[in-house]
């Protein structure tokens, strides 16, 4: 029963954490429940928008009427956002995206007693900056940045 102030608009948003593989069993991730992004997606839908939400793994139910794309890594989220951004009227980045990924992901589970008896060696490389890339798009996409909120 609320006003449909976003009727005819396409809202694209990110939610939840991304997870970066270390080996086939382990990942590095962020502590994000996804609650903020899912709440914004629901509110945008209730305000009449067509909503596409790109989400990392959460225990939440996708709001009714929201199109959700599930991703795991920051690069997957980046690719999904860039594929939809030019069609969006509004972009809201709420996901807790990993800034770094493991460069030398192991093909097998790293044993507790790694080779040489020491700790495993991991090299890191940066993930793409999704917000910066959306902001550089040649279209007037509204870029809304929200700090990570623990809800």
Protein backbone atom coordinates (compact mmCIF):
# COMPACT_ATOMS: atom_id res chain seq x y z
CA UNK A 1 0.00 0.00 0.00
CA UNK A 2 2.99 2.32 -0.18
CA UNK A 3 3.60 4.79 -3.00
CA UNK A 4 5.37 3.25 -6.02
CA UNK A 5 8.05 5.93 -6.28
CA UNK A 6 10.40 3.51 -8.08
CA UNK A 7 7.85 2.26 -10.61
CA UNK A 8 9.49 1.73 -14.00
CA UNK A 9 12.99 1.78 -12.51
CA UNK A 10 15.51 -1.07 -12.45
CA UNK A 11 17.48 -1.34 -9.20
CA UNK A 12 20.64 -3.44 -9.24
CA UNK A 13 22.21 -4.23 -5.90
CA UNK A 14 24.81 -6.45 -4.30
CA UNK A 15 24.36 -8.21 -0.97
CA UNK A 16 26.03 -10.68 1.34
CA UNK A 17 29.65 -11.81 1.49
CA UNK A 18 32.00 -13.04 -1.17
CA UNK A 19 34.24 -16.04 -0.51
CA UNK A 20 37.65 -16.64 -2.04
CA UNK A 21 38.95 -20.21 -2.34
CA UNK A 22 42.18 -21.24 -0.61
CA UNK A 23 41.89 -24.90 -1.64
CA UNK A 24 38.94 -27.15 -2.61
CA UNK A 25 37.74 -27.16 1.04
CA UNK A 26 38.64 -23.78 2.57
CA UNK A 27 37.71 -20.19 1.75
CA UNK A 28 38.48 -16.70 3.01
CA UNK A 29 35.32 -14.69 3.51
CA UNK A 30 33.75 -11.66 5.18
CA UNK A 31 31.33 -11.66 8.09
CA UNK A 32 28.23 -10.47 6.34
CA UNK A 33 24.73 -11.79 6.95
CA UNK A 34 23.32 -10.08 3.87
CA UNK A 35 20.41 -8.68 5.93
CA UNK A 36 20.94 -5.08 4.85
CA UNK A 37 21.05 -5.88 1.14
CA UNK A 38 18.04 -8.18 1.31
CA UNK A 39 16.06 -5.53 3.24
CA UNK A 40 16.93 -2.88 0.65
CA UNK A 41 15.96 -5.26 -2.17
CA UNK A 42 12.59 -5.87 -0.52
CA UNK A 43 11.99 -2.16 0.05
CA UNK A 44 12.90 -1.29 -3.55
CA UNK A 45 10.54 -3.97 -4.83
CA UNK A 46 7.74 -2.71 -2.58
CA UNK A 47 8.39 0.79 -3.96
CA UNK A 48 7.65 -0.55 -7.44
CA UNK A 49 11.15 -1.19 -8.84
CA UNK A 50 12.26 -4.16 -10.88
CA UNK A 51 15.05 -5.48 -8.64
CA UNK A 52 18.07 -7.58 -9.51
CA UNK A 53 20.11 -8.67 -6.49
CA UNK A 54 23.53 -10.25 -6.86
CA UNK A 55 24.27 -12.06 -3.64
CA UNK A 56 26.98 -14.11 -2.03
CA UNK A 57 25.98 -17.07 0.13
CA UNK A 58 23.51 -16.23 2.90
CA UNK A 59 20.90 -18.08 4.93
CA UNK A 60 18.23 -15.57 3.87
CA UNK A 61 15.19 -16.07 1.67
CA UNK A 62 15.11 -13.97 -1.48
CA UNK A 63 12.33 -11.38 -1.20
CA UNK A 64 9.26 -12.08 -3.33
CA UNK A 65 9.48 -10.48 -6.76
CA UNK A 66 13.26 -9.95 -6.61
CA UNK A 67 15.48 -11.58 -9.23
CA UNK A 68 18.49 -13.03 -7.42
CA UNK A 69 21.77 -14.19 -8.90
CA UNK A 70 23.93 -16.25 -6.54
CA UNK A 71 27.71 -15.88 -6.72
CA UNK A 72 30.63 -17.00 -4.61
CA UNK A 73 33.71 -14.95 -5.47
CA UNK A 74 34.34 -11.24 -5.94
CA UNK A 75 35.19 -11.83 -9.60
CA UNK A 76 31.87 -13.63 -10.13
CA UNK A 77 30.06 -10.73 -8.44
CA UNK A 78 31.99 -8.26 -10.59
CA UNK A 79 31.09 -10.09 -13.79
CA UNK A 80 27.39 -10.33 -12.84
CA UNK A 81 27.24 -6.63 -11.92
CA UNK A 82 28.98 -5.50 -15.10
CA UNK A 83 26.62 -7.66 -17.20
CA UNK A 84 23.58 -5.88 -15.69
CA UNK A 85 24.82 -2.38 -14.81
CA UNK A 86 24.05 -0.68 -18.10
CA UNK A 87 20.42 -1.77 -17.82
CA UNK A 88 20.08 -0.40 -14.28
CA UNK A 89 18.74 2.98 -13.23
CA UNK A 90 20.08 2.63 -9.69
CA UNK A 91 23.06 0.68 -8.35
CA UNK A 92 23.43 0.00 -4.64
CA UNK A 93 26.58 -1.77 -3.43
CA UNK A 94 25.95 -3.33 -0.03
CA UNK A 95 27.89 -6.60 -0.36
CA UNK A 96 30.95 -7.29 1.75
CA UNK A 97 33.25 -7.93 -1.20
CA UNK A 98 36.66 -9.46 -0.51
CA UNK A 99 39.38 -6.98 -1.42
CA UNK A 100 41.91 -9.76 -2.01
CA UNK A 101 41.97 -13.30 -3.40
CA UNK A 102 44.51 -16.07 -3.05
CA UNK A 103 46.78 -16.05 -6.09
CA UNK A 104 48.11 -19.57 -5.58
CA UNK A 105 44.92 -21.56 -4.85
CA UNK A 106 45.83 -25.17 -4.09
CA UNK A 107 44.35 -27.93 -6.26
CA UNK A 108 44.13 -30.22 -3.23
CA UNK A 109 43.24 -29.82 0.44
CA UNK A 110 46.15 -28.29 2.31
CA UNK A 111 47.07 -30.66 5.14
CA UNK A 112 47.53 -29.38 8.67
CA UNK A 113 51.17 -30.42 8.44
CA UNK A 114 52.04 -28.82 5.12
CA UNK A 115 55.16 -29.69 3.17
CA UNK A 116 58.24 -28.80 5.16
CA UNK A 117 56.26 -28.91 8.41
CA UNK A 118 55.54 -25.17 8.32
CA UNK A 119 52.51 -23.07 7.65
CA UNK A 120 51.06 -22.94 4.14
CA UNK A 121 52.31 -20.13 1.95
CA UNK A 122 49.63 -17.97 0.34
CA UNK A 123 50.11 -15.14 -2.11
CA UNK A 124 47.36 -12.56 -2.58
CA UNK A 125 46.25 -10.37 -5.45
CA UNK A 126 43.59 -7.66 -5.53
CA UNK A 127 40.02 -8.27 -6.61
CA UNK A 128 38.32 -5.85 -8.99
CA UNK A 129 36.80 -2.75 -7.42
CA UNK A 130 33.16 -3.16 -8.41
CA UNK A 131 31.99 0.26 -7.18
CA UNK A 132 34.79 2.09 -8.98
CA UNK A 133 34.09 0.28 -12.24
CA UNK A 134 30.35 0.99 -12.09
CA UNK A 135 31.13 4.64 -11.35
CA UNK A 136 33.26 4.81 -14.52
CA UNK A 137 30.48 3.51 -16.78
CA UNK A 138 29.37 5.99 -19.46
CA UNK A 139 25.79 5.89 -18.23
CA UNK A 140 24.30 7.91 -15.40
CA UNK A 141 24.02 5.04 -12.93
CA UNK A 142 23.52 6.21 -9.39
CA UNK A 143 26.28 4.73 -7.27
CA UNK A 144 25.27 4.37 -3.65
CA UNK A 145 27.91 3.17 -1.24
CA UNK A 146 27.09 1.86 2.20
CA UNK A 147 29.66 0.84 4.74
CA UNK A 148 29.50 -2.73 5.97
CA UNK A 149 26.76 -2.86 8.56
CA UNK A 150 26.50 -5.68 11.03
CA UNK A 151 22.78 -6.19 11.43
